[in-house]
Amino acid sequence: ILDKLNDYLCIHIENQISAGADVIQ
């Protein structure tokens, strides 16, 4: 579960960056 969550969280991060986020917490 943790490994799978990591994959989806990275997708979520990438999408936020592409939309204009310039820092991630």
mmCIF file of all heavy atoms, coordinates in Angstrom:
data_MODEL
# 
_entry.id   MODEL 
# 
loop_
_atom_site.group_PDB 
_atom_site.id 
_atom_site.type_symbol 
_atom_site.label_atom_id 
_atom_site.label_alt_id 
_atom_site.label_comp_id 
_atom_site.label_asym_id 
_atom_site.label_entity_id 
_atom_site.label_seq_id 
_atom_site.pdbx_PDB_ins_code 
_atom_site.Cartn_x 
_atom_site.Cartn_y 
_atom_site.Cartn_z 
_atom_site.occupancy 
_atom_site.B_iso_or_equiv 
_atom_site.pdbx_formal_charge 
_atom_site.auth_seq_id 
_atom_site.auth_comp_id 
_atom_site.auth_asym_id 
_atom_site.auth_atom_id 
_atom_site.pdbx_PDB_model_num 
ATOM 1   N N   . ILE A 1 1  ? 0.840  -1.210 0.000   1.00 0.00 ? 1  ILE A N   1 
ATOM 2   C CA  . ILE A 1 1  ? 0.000  0.000  0.000   1.00 0.00 ? 1  ILE A CA  1 
ATOM 3   C C   . ILE A 1 1  ? 0.869  1.251  0.000   1.00 0.00 ? 1  ILE A C   1 
ATOM 4   O O   . ILE A 1 1  ? 0.618  2.197  -0.757  1.00 0.00 ? 1  ILE A O   1 
ATOM 5   C CB  . ILE A 1 1  ? -0.949 -0.007 1.212   1.00 0.00 ? 1  ILE A CB  1 
ATOM 6   C CG1 . ILE A 1 1  ? -1.927 -1.175 1.123   1.00 0.00 ? 1  ILE A CG1 1 
ATOM 7   C CG2 . ILE A 1 1  ? -1.715 1.322  1.304   1.00 0.00 ? 1  ILE A CG2 1 
ATOM 8   C CD1 . ILE A 1 1  ? -2.739 -1.401 2.393   1.00 0.00 ? 1  ILE A CD1 1 
ATOM 9   N N   . LEU A 1 2  ? 1.893  1.262  0.840   1.00 0.00 ? 2  LEU A N   1 
ATOM 10  C CA  . LEU A 1 2  ? 2.786  2.422  0.912   1.00 0.00 ? 2  LEU A CA  1 
ATOM 11  C C   . LEU A 1 2  ? 3.494  2.660  -0.420  1.00 0.00 ? 2  LEU A C   1 
ATOM 12  O O   . LEU A 1 2  ? 3.620  3.806  -0.872  1.00 0.00 ? 2  LEU A O   1 
ATOM 13  C CB  . LEU A 1 2  ? 3.808  2.233  2.031   1.00 0.00 ? 2  LEU A CB  1 
ATOM 14  C CG  . LEU A 1 2  ? 3.267  2.291  3.469   1.00 0.00 ? 2  LEU A CG  1 
ATOM 15  C CD1 . LEU A 1 2  ? 4.356  1.898  4.457   1.00 0.00 ? 2  LEU A CD1 1 
ATOM 16  C CD2 . LEU A 1 2  ? 2.717  3.665  3.794   1.00 0.00 ? 2  LEU A CD2 1 
ATOM 17  N N   . ASP A 1 3  ? 3.952  1.588  -1.064  1.00 0.00 ? 3  ASP A N   1 
ATOM 18  C CA  . ASP A 1 3  ? 4.621  1.725  -2.363  1.00 0.00 ? 3  ASP A CA  1 
ATOM 19  C C   . ASP A 1 3  ? 3.666  2.286  -3.420  1.00 0.00 ? 3  ASP A C   1 
ATOM 20  O O   . ASP A 1 3  ? 4.040  3.154  -4.213  1.00 0.00 ? 3  ASP A O   1 
ATOM 21  C CB  . ASP A 1 3  ? 5.163  0.371  -2.831  1.00 0.00 ? 3  ASP A CB  1 
ATOM 22  C CG  . ASP A 1 3  ? 6.388  -0.067 -2.050  1.00 0.00 ? 3  ASP A CG  1 
ATOM 23  O OD1 . ASP A 1 3  ? 6.995  0.780  -1.369  1.00 0.00 ? 3  ASP A OD1 1 
ATOM 24  O OD2 . ASP A 1 3  ? 6.739  -1.265 -2.110  1.00 0.00 ? 3  ASP A OD2 1 
ATOM 25  N N   . LYS A 1 4  ? 2.441  1.777  -3.410  1.00 0.00 ? 4  LYS A N   1 
ATOM 26  C CA  . LYS A 1 4  ? 1.450  2.249  -4.388  1.00 0.00 ? 4  LYS A CA  1 
ATOM 27  C C   . LYS A 1 4  ? 1.075  3.699  -4.118  1.00 0.00 ? 4  LYS A C   1 
ATOM 28  O O   . LYS A 1 4  ? 0.918  4.498  -5.041  1.00 0.00 ? 4  LYS A O   1 
ATOM 29  C CB  . LYS A 1 4  ? 0.212  1.355  -4.322  1.00 0.00 ? 4  LYS A CB  1 
ATOM 30  C CG  . LYS A 1 4  ? -0.655 1.396  -5.565  1.00 0.00 ? 4  LYS A CG  1 
ATOM 31  C CD  . LYS A 1 4  ? 0.007  0.654  -6.709  1.00 0.00 ? 4  LYS A CD  1 
ATOM 32  C CE  . LYS A 1 4  ? -0.934 0.553  -7.902  1.00 0.00 ? 4  LYS A CE  1 
ATOM 33  N NZ  . LYS A 1 4  ? -0.271 -0.066 -9.070  1.00 0.00 ? 4  LYS A NZ  1 
ATOM 34  N N   . LEU A 1 5  ? 0.923  4.038  -2.846  1.00 0.00 ? 5  LEU A N   1 
ATOM 35  C CA  . LEU A 1 5  ? 0.633  5.429  -2.482  1.00 0.00 ? 5  LEU A CA  1 
ATOM 36  C C   . LEU A 1 5  ? 1.745  6.353  -2.970  1.00 0.00 ? 5  LEU A C   1 
ATOM 37  O O   . LEU A 1 5  ? 1.484  7.449  -3.491  1.00 0.00 ? 5  LEU A O   1 
ATOM 38  C CB  . LEU A 1 5  ? 0.482  5.572  -0.961  1.00 0.00 ? 5  LEU A CB  1 
ATOM 39  C CG  . LEU A 1 5  ? -0.896 5.295  -0.367  1.00 0.00 ? 5  LEU A CG  1 
ATOM 40  C CD1 . LEU A 1 5  ? -0.823 5.340  1.150   1.00 0.00 ? 5  LEU A CD1 1 
ATOM 41  C CD2 . LEU A 1 5  ? -1.923 6.286  -0.895  1.00 0.00 ? 5  LEU A CD2 1 
ATOM 42  N N   . ASN A 1 6  ? 2.982  5.906  -2.806  1.00 0.00 ? 6  ASN A N   1 
ATOM 43  C CA  . ASN A 1 6  ? 4.126  6.695  -3.262  1.00 0.00 ? 6  ASN A CA  1 
ATOM 44  C C   . ASN A 1 6  ? 4.009  6.999  -4.751  1.00 0.00 ? 6  ASN A C   1 
ATOM 45  O O   . ASN A 1 6  ? 4.240  8.133  -5.187  1.00 0.00 ? 6  ASN A O   1 
ATOM 46  C CB  . ASN A 1 6  ? 5.419  5.937  -2.965  1.00 0.00 ? 6  ASN A CB  1 
ATOM 47  C CG  . ASN A 1 6  ? 6.658  6.722  -3.345  1.00 0.00 ? 6  ASN A CG  1 
ATOM 48  O OD1 . ASN A 1 6  ? 6.927  6.925  -4.523  1.00 0.00 ? 6  ASN A OD1 1 
ATOM 49  N ND2 . ASN A 1 6  ? 7.420  7.136  -2.361  1.00 0.00 ? 6  ASN A ND2 1 
ATOM 50  N N   . ASP A 1 7  ? 3.623  6.005  -5.544  1.00 0.00 ? 7  ASP A N   1 
ATOM 51  C CA  . ASP A 1 7  ? 3.482  6.201  -6.996  1.00 0.00 ? 7  ASP A CA  1 
ATOM 52  C C   . ASP A 1 7  ? 2.447  7.274  -7.298  1.00 0.00 ? 7  ASP A C   1 
ATOM 53  O O   . ASP A 1 7  ? 2.684  8.170  -8.128  1.00 0.00 ? 7  ASP A O   1 
ATOM 54  C CB  . ASP A 1 7  ? 3.079  4.887  -7.674  1.00 0.00 ? 7  ASP A CB  1 
ATOM 55  C CG  . ASP A 1 7  ? 4.174  3.824  -7.615  1.00 0.00 ? 7  ASP A CG  1 
ATOM 56  O OD1 . ASP A 1 7  ? 5.343  4.191  -7.395  1.00 0.00 ? 7  ASP A OD1 1 
ATOM 57  O OD2 . ASP A 1 7  ? 3.846  2.632  -7.785  1.00 0.00 ? 7  ASP A OD2 1 
ATOM 58  N N   . TYR A 1 8  ? 1.290  7.184  -6.652  1.00 0.00 ? 8  TYR A N   1 
ATOM 59  C CA  . TYR A 1 8  ? 0.215  8.143  -6.936  1.00 0.00 ? 8  TYR A CA  1 
ATOM 60  C C   . TYR A 1 8  ? 0.532  9.538  -6.382  1.00 0.00 ? 8  TYR A C   1 
ATOM 61  O O   . TYR A 1 8  ? 0.158  10.553 -6.974  1.00 0.00 ? 8  TYR A O   1 
ATOM 62  C CB  . TYR A 1 8  ? -1.115 7.628  -6.391  1.00 0.00 ? 8  TYR A CB  1 
ATOM 63  C CG  . TYR A 1 8  ? -1.720 6.571  -7.286  1.00 0.00 ? 8  TYR A CG  1 
ATOM 64  C CD1 . TYR A 1 8  ? -1.658 5.226  -6.944  1.00 0.00 ? 8  TYR A CD1 1 
ATOM 65  C CD2 . TYR A 1 8  ? -2.322 6.911  -8.495  1.00 0.00 ? 8  TYR A CD2 1 
ATOM 66  C CE1 . TYR A 1 8  ? -2.193 4.250  -7.776  1.00 0.00 ? 8  TYR A CE1 1 
ATOM 67  C CE2 . TYR A 1 8  ? -2.858 5.947  -9.337  1.00 0.00 ? 8  TYR A CE2 1 
ATOM 68  C CZ  . TYR A 1 8  ? -2.788 4.617  -8.975  1.00 0.00 ? 8  TYR A CZ  1 
ATOM 69  O OH  . TYR A 1 8  ? -3.310 3.666  -9.813  1.00 0.00 ? 8  TYR A OH  1 
ATOM 70  N N   . LEU A 1 9  ? 1.231  9.586  -5.254  1.00 0.00 ? 9  LEU A N   1 
ATOM 71  C CA  . LEU A 1 9  ? 1.627  10.886 -4.719  1.00 0.00 ? 9  LEU A CA  1 
ATOM 72  C C   . LEU A 1 9  ? 2.599  11.594 -5.648  1.00 0.00 ? 9  LEU A C   1 
ATOM 73  O O   . LEU A 1 9  ? 2.531  12.820 -5.816  1.00 0.00 ? 9  LEU A O   1 
ATOM 74  C CB  . LEU A 1 9  ? 2.242  10.708 -3.325  1.00 0.00 ? 9  LEU A CB  1 
ATOM 75  C CG  . LEU A 1 9  ? 1.240  10.341 -2.221  1.00 0.00 ? 9  LEU A CG  1 
ATOM 76  C CD1 . LEU A 1 9  ? 1.964  9.912  -0.958  1.00 0.00 ? 9  LEU A CD1 1 
ATOM 77  C CD2 . LEU A 1 9  ? 0.288  11.497 -1.939  1.00 0.00 ? 9  LEU A CD2 1 
ATOM 78  N N   . CYS A 1 10 ? 3.485  10.840 -6.268  1.00 0.00 ? 10 CYS A N   1 
ATOM 79  C CA  . CYS A 1 10 ? 4.414  11.443 -7.230  1.00 0.00 ? 10 CYS A CA  1 
ATOM 80  C C   . CYS A 1 10 ? 3.668  11.960 -8.463  1.00 0.00 ? 10 CYS A C   1 
ATOM 81  O O   . CYS A 1 10 ? 4.017  13.008 -9.021  1.00 0.00 ? 10 CYS A O   1 
ATOM 82  C CB  . CYS A 1 10 ? 5.499  10.445 -7.630  1.00 0.00 ? 10 CYS A CB  1 
ATOM 83  S SG  . CYS A 1 10 ? 6.716  10.152 -6.312  1.00 0.00 ? 10 CYS A SG  1 
ATOM 84  N N   . ILE A 1 11 ? 2.639  11.244 -8.887  1.00 0.00 ? 11 ILE A N   1 
ATOM 85  C CA  . ILE A 1 11 ? 1.794  11.731 -9.984  1.00 0.00 ? 11 ILE A CA  1 
ATOM 86  C C   . ILE A 1 11 ? 1.122  13.040 -9.575  1.00 0.00 ? 11 ILE A C   1 
ATOM 87  O O   . ILE A 1 11 ? 1.083  14.009 -10.343 1.00 0.00 ? 11 ILE A O   1 
ATOM 88  C CB  . ILE A 1 11 ? 0.729  10.674 -10.348 1.00 0.00 ? 11 ILE A CB  1 
ATOM 89  C CG1 . ILE A 1 11 ? 1.385  9.439  -10.965 1.00 0.00 ? 11 ILE A CG1 1 
ATOM 90  C CG2 . ILE A 1 11 ? -0.305 11.263 -11.311 1.00 0.00 ? 11 ILE A CG2 1 
ATOM 91  C CD1 . ILE A 1 11 ? 0.442  8.253  -11.103 1.00 0.00 ? 11 ILE A CD1 1 
ATOM 92  N N   . HIS A 1 12 ? 0.602  13.062 -8.354  1.00 0.00 ? 12 HIS A N   1 
ATOM 93  C CA  . HIS A 1 12 ? -0.071 14.267 -7.850  1.00 0.00 ? 12 HIS A CA  1 
ATOM 94  C C   . HIS A 1 12 ? 0.902  15.443 -7.777  1.00 0.00 ? 12 HIS A C   1 
ATOM 95  O O   . HIS A 1 12 ? 0.554  16.581 -8.126  1.00 0.00 ? 12 HIS A O   1 
ATOM 96  C CB  . HIS A 1 12 ? -0.657 13.958 -6.476  1.00 0.00 ? 12 HIS A CB  1 
ATOM 97  C CG  . HIS A 1 12 ? -1.586 14.999 -5.936  1.00 0.00 ? 12 HIS A CG  1 
ATOM 98  N ND1 . HIS A 1 12 ? -2.417 15.766 -6.734  1.00 0.00 ? 12 HIS A ND1 1 
ATOM 99  C CD2 . HIS A 1 12 ? -1.820 15.413 -4.652  1.00 0.00 ? 12 HIS A CD2 1 
ATOM 100 C CE1 . HIS A 1 12 ? -3.115 16.597 -5.976  1.00 0.00 ? 12 HIS A CE1 1 
ATOM 101 N NE2 . HIS A 1 12 ? -2.762 16.411 -4.712  1.00 0.00 ? 12 HIS A NE2 1 
ATOM 102 N N   . ILE A 1 13 ? 2.114  15.176 -7.342  1.00 0.00 ? 13 ILE A N   1 
ATOM 103 C CA  . ILE A 1 13 ? 3.140  16.226 -7.294  1.00 0.00 ? 13 ILE A CA  1 
ATOM 104 C C   . ILE A 1 13 ? 3.451  16.742 -8.690  1.00 0.00 ? 13 ILE A C   1 
ATOM 105 O O   . ILE A 1 13 ? 3.499  17.956 -8.926  1.00 0.00 ? 13 ILE A O   1 
ATOM 106 C CB  . ILE A 1 13 ? 4.414  15.686 -6.615  1.00 0.00 ? 13 ILE A CB  1 
ATOM 107 C CG1 . ILE A 1 13 ? 4.200  15.527 -5.116  1.00 0.00 ? 13 ILE A CG1 1 
ATOM 108 C CG2 . ILE A 1 13 ? 5.610  16.632 -6.871  1.00 0.00 ? 13 ILE A CG2 1 
ATOM 109 C CD1 . ILE A 1 13 ? 5.320  14.797 -4.403  1.00 0.00 ? 13 ILE A CD1 1 
ATOM 110 N N   . GLU A 1 14 ? 3.677  15.830 -9.609  1.00 0.00 ? 14 GLU A N   1 
ATOM 111 C CA  . GLU A 1 14 ? 4.010  16.235 -10.981 1.00 0.00 ? 14 GLU A CA  1 
ATOM 112 C C   . GLU A 1 14 ? 2.908  17.094 -11.586 1.00 0.00 ? 14 GLU A C   1 
ATOM 113 O O   . GLU A 1 14 ? 3.174  18.112 -12.230 1.00 0.00 ? 14 GLU A O   1 
ATOM 114 C CB  . GLU A 1 14 ? 4.237  14.998 -11.850 1.00 0.00 ? 14 GLU A CB  1 
ATOM 115 C CG  . GLU A 1 14 ? 4.630  15.339 -13.280 1.00 0.00 ? 14 GLU A CG  1 
ATOM 116 C CD  . GLU A 1 14 ? 4.971  14.128 -14.114 1.00 0.00 ? 14 GLU A CD  1 
ATOM 117 O OE1 . GLU A 1 14 ? 4.744  12.990 -13.647 1.00 0.00 ? 14 GLU A OE1 1 
ATOM 118 O OE2 . GLU A 1 14 ? 5.459  14.308 -15.237 1.00 0.00 ? 14 GLU A OE2 1 
ATOM 119 N N   . ASN A 1 15 ? 1.653  16.719 -11.346 1.00 0.00 ? 15 ASN A N   1 
ATOM 120 C CA  . ASN A 1 15 ? 0.531  17.492 -11.875 1.00 0.00 ? 15 ASN A CA  1 
ATOM 121 C C   . ASN A 1 15 ? 0.443  18.872 -11.232 1.00 0.00 ? 15 ASN A C   1 
ATOM 122 O O   . ASN A 1 15 ? 0.093  19.857 -11.896 1.00 0.00 ? 15 ASN A O   1 
ATOM 123 C CB  . ASN A 1 15 ? -0.773 16.725 -11.654 1.00 0.00 ? 15 ASN A CB  1 
ATOM 124 C CG  . ASN A 1 15 ? -0.869 15.482 -12.520 1.00 0.00 ? 15 ASN A CG  1 
ATOM 125 O OD1 . ASN A 1 15 ? -0.223 15.379 -13.556 1.00 0.00 ? 15 ASN A OD1 1 
ATOM 126 N ND2 . ASN A 1 15 ? -1.674 14.518 -12.089 1.00 0.00 ? 15 ASN A ND2 1 
ATOM 127 N N   . GLN A 1 16 ? 0.756  18.965 -9.941  1.00 0.00 ? 16 GLN A N   1 
ATOM 128 C CA  . GLN A 1 16 ? 0.738  20.267 -9.270  1.00 0.00 ? 16 GLN A CA  1 
ATOM 129 C C   . GLN A 1 16 ? 1.851  21.168 -9.804  1.00 0.00 ? 16 GLN A C   1 
ATOM 130 O O   . GLN A 1 16 ? 1.646  22.369 -10.018 1.00 0.00 ? 16 GLN A O   1 
ATOM 131 C CB  . GLN A 1 16 ? 0.889  20.079 -7.757  1.00 0.00 ? 16 GLN A CB  1 
ATOM 132 C CG  . GLN A 1 16 ? -0.327 19.444 -7.095  1.00 0.00 ? 16 GLN A CG  1 
ATOM 133 C CD  . GLN A 1 16 ? -0.180 19.342 -5.593  1.00 0.00 ? 16 GLN A CD  1 
ATOM 134 O OE1 . GLN A 1 16 ? -0.387 20.309 -4.855  1.00 0.00 ? 16 GLN A OE1 1 
ATOM 135 N NE2 . GLN A 1 16 ? 0.181  18.159 -5.115  1.00 0.00 ? 16 GLN A NE2 1 
ATOM 136 N N   . ILE A 1 17 ? 3.019  20.591 -10.033 1.00 0.00 ? 17 ILE A N   1 
ATOM 137 C CA  . ILE A 1 17 ? 4.132  21.367 -10.593 1.00 0.00 ? 17 ILE A CA  1 
ATOM 138 C C   . ILE A 1 17 ? 3.784  21.868 -11.994 1.00 0.00 ? 17 ILE A C   1 
ATOM 139 O O   . ILE A 1 17 ? 3.996  23.042 -12.324 1.00 0.00 ? 17 ILE A O   1 
ATOM 140 C CB  . ILE A 1 17 ? 5.418  20.522 -10.628 1.00 0.00 ? 17 ILE A CB  1 
ATOM 141 C CG1 . ILE A 1 17 ? 5.891  20.183 -9.213  1.00 0.00 ? 17 ILE A CG1 1 
ATOM 142 C CG2 . ILE A 1 17 ? 6.531  21.256 -11.375 1.00 0.00 ? 17 ILE A CG2 1 
ATOM 143 C CD1 . ILE A 1 17 ? 7.004  19.143 -9.162  1.00 0.00 ? 17 ILE A CD1 1 
ATOM 144 N N   . SER A 1 18 ? 3.223  20.983 -12.806 1.00 0.00 ? 18 SER A N   1 
ATOM 145 C CA  . SER A 1 18 ? 2.868  21.351 -14.180 1.00 0.00 ? 18 SER A CA  1 
ATOM 146 C C   . SER A 1 18 ? 1.827  22.471 -14.197 1.00 0.00 ? 18 SER A C   1 
ATOM 147 O O   . SER A 1 18 ? 1.809  23.298 -15.119 1.00 0.00 ? 18 SER A O   1 
ATOM 148 C CB  . SER A 1 18 ? 2.320  20.134 -14.933 1.00 0.00 ? 18 SER A CB  1 
ATOM 149 O OG  . SER A 1 18 ? 3.312  19.132 -15.061 1.00 0.00 ? 18 SER A OG  1 
ATOM 150 N N   . ALA A 1 19 ? 0.973  22.502 -13.168 1.00 0.00 ? 19 ALA A N   1 
ATOM 151 C CA  . ALA A 1 19 ? -0.070 23.527 -13.099 1.00 0.00 ? 19 ALA A CA  1 
ATOM 152 C C   . ALA A 1 19 ? 0.452  24.872 -12.593 1.00 0.00 ? 19 ALA A C   1 
ATOM 153 O O   . ALA A 1 19 ? -0.211 25.896 -12.758 1.00 0.00 ? 19 ALA A O   1 
ATOM 154 C CB  . ALA A 1 19 ? -1.212 23.047 -12.210 1.00 0.00 ? 19 ALA A CB  1 
ATOM 155 N N   . GLY A 1 20 ? 1.650  24.879 -11.950 1.00 0.00 ? 20 GLY A N   1 
ATOM 156 C CA  . GLY A 1 20 ? 2.204  26.148 -11.501 1.00 0.00 ? 20 GLY A CA  1 
ATOM 157 C C   . GLY A 1 20 ? 2.729  26.195 -10.085 1.00 0.00 ? 20 GLY A C   1 
ATOM 158 O O   . GLY A 1 20 ? 3.237  27.238 -9.652  1.00 0.00 ? 20 GLY A O   1 
ATOM 159 N N   . ALA A 1 21 ? 2.637  25.101 -9.327  1.00 0.00 ? 21 ALA A N   1 
ATOM 160 C CA  . ALA A 1 21 ? 3.226  25.086 -7.979  1.00 0.00 ? 21 ALA A CA  1 
ATOM 161 C C   . ALA A 1 21 ? 4.747  25.116 -8.091  1.00 0.00 ? 21 ALA A C   1 
ATOM 162 O O   . ALA A 1 21 ? 5.314  24.411 -8.922  1.00 0.00 ? 21 ALA A O   1 
ATOM 163 C CB  . ALA A 1 21 ? 2.783  23.844 -7.215  1.00 0.00 ? 21 ALA A CB  1 
ATOM 164 N N   . ASP A 1 22 ? 5.404  25.947 -7.269  1.00 0.00 ? 22 ASP A N   1 
ATOM 165 C CA  . ASP A 1 22 ? 6.869  26.023 -7.354  1.00 0.00 ? 22 ASP A CA  1 
ATOM 166 C C   . ASP A 1 22 ? 7.566  25.574 -6.074  1.00 0.00 ? 22 ASP A C   1 
ATOM 167 O O   . ASP A 1 22 ? 8.781  25.644 -5.957  1.00 0.00 ? 22 ASP A O   1 
ATOM 168 C CB  . ASP A 1 22 ? 7.330  27.424 -7.753  1.00 0.00 ? 22 ASP A CB  1 
ATOM 169 C CG  . ASP A 1 22 ? 6.804  28.527 -6.849  1.00 0.00 ? 22 ASP A CG  1 
ATOM 170 O OD1 . ASP A 1 22 ? 6.480  28.235 -5.685  1.00 0.00 ? 22 ASP A OD1 1 
ATOM 171 O OD2 . ASP A 1 22 ? 6.729  29.675 -7.311  1.00 0.00 ? 22 ASP A OD2 1 
ATOM 172 N N   . VAL A 1 23 ? 6.787  25.107 -5.104  1.00 0.00 ? 23 VAL A N   1 
ATOM 173 C CA  . VAL A 1 23 ? 7.308  24.480 -3.881  1.00 0.00 ? 23 VAL A CA  1 
ATOM 174 C C   . VAL A 1 23 ? 6.334  23.369 -3.517  1.00 0.00 ? 23 VAL A C   1 
ATOM 175 O O   . VAL A 1 23 ? 5.128  23.503 -3.716  1.00 0.00 ? 23 VAL A O   1 
ATOM 176 C CB  . VAL A 1 23 ? 7.403  25.489 -2.708  1.00 0.00 ? 23 VAL A CB  1 
ATOM 177 C CG1 . VAL A 1 23 ? 7.842  24.786 -1.428  1.00 0.00 ? 23 VAL A CG1 1 
ATOM 178 C CG2 . VAL A 1 23 ? 8.352  26.633 -3.033  1.00 0.00 ? 23 VAL A CG2 1 
ATOM 179 N N   . ILE A 1 24 ? 6.860  22.262 -2.997  1.00 0.00 ? 24 ILE A N   1 
ATOM 180 C CA  . ILE A 1 24 ? 6.002  21.170 -2.520  1.00 0.00 ? 24 ILE A CA  1 
ATOM 181 C C   . ILE A 1 24 ? 6.275  20.945 -1.043  1.00 0.00 ? 24 ILE A C   1 
ATOM 182 O O   . ILE A 1 24 ? 7.423  20.924 -0.600  1.00 0.00 ? 24 ILE A O   1 
ATOM 183 C CB  . ILE A 1 24 ? 6.266  19.859 -3.295  1.00 0.00 ? 24 ILE A CB  1 
ATOM 184 C CG1 . ILE A 1 24 ? 5.857  20.010 -4.758  1.00 0.00 ? 24 ILE A CG1 1 
ATOM 185 C CG2 . ILE A 1 24 ? 5.536  18.681 -2.639  1.00 0.00 ? 24 ILE A CG2 1 
ATOM 186 C CD1 . ILE A 1 24 ? 4.352  20.183 -5.002  1.00 0.00 ? 24 ILE A CD1 1 
ATOM 187 N N   . GLN A 1 25 ? 5.208  20.782 -0.258  1.00 0.00 ? 25 GLN A N   1 
ATOM 188 C CA  . GLN A 1 25 ? 5.367  20.413 1.144   1.00 0.00 ? 25 GLN A CA  1 
ATOM 189 C C   . GLN A 1 25 ? 4.756  19.037 1.382   1.00 0.00 ? 25 GLN A C   1 
ATOM 190 O O   . GLN A 1 25 ? 3.674  18.727 0.866   1.00 0.00 ? 25 GLN A O   1 
ATOM 191 C CB  . GLN A 1 25 ? 4.718  21.428 2.082   1.00 0.00 ? 25 GLN A CB  1 
ATOM 192 C CG  . GLN A 1 25 ? 4.833  21.023 3.551   1.00 0.00 ? 25 GLN A CG  1 
ATOM 193 C CD  . GLN A 1 25 ? 5.037  22.178 4.509   1.00 0.00 ? 25 GLN A CD  1 
ATOM 194 O OE1 . GLN A 1 25 ? 4.971  23.328 4.124   1.00 0.00 ? 25 GLN A OE1 1 
ATOM 195 N NE2 . GLN A 1 25 ? 5.294  21.868 5.763   1.00 0.00 ? 25 GLN A NE2 1 
# 
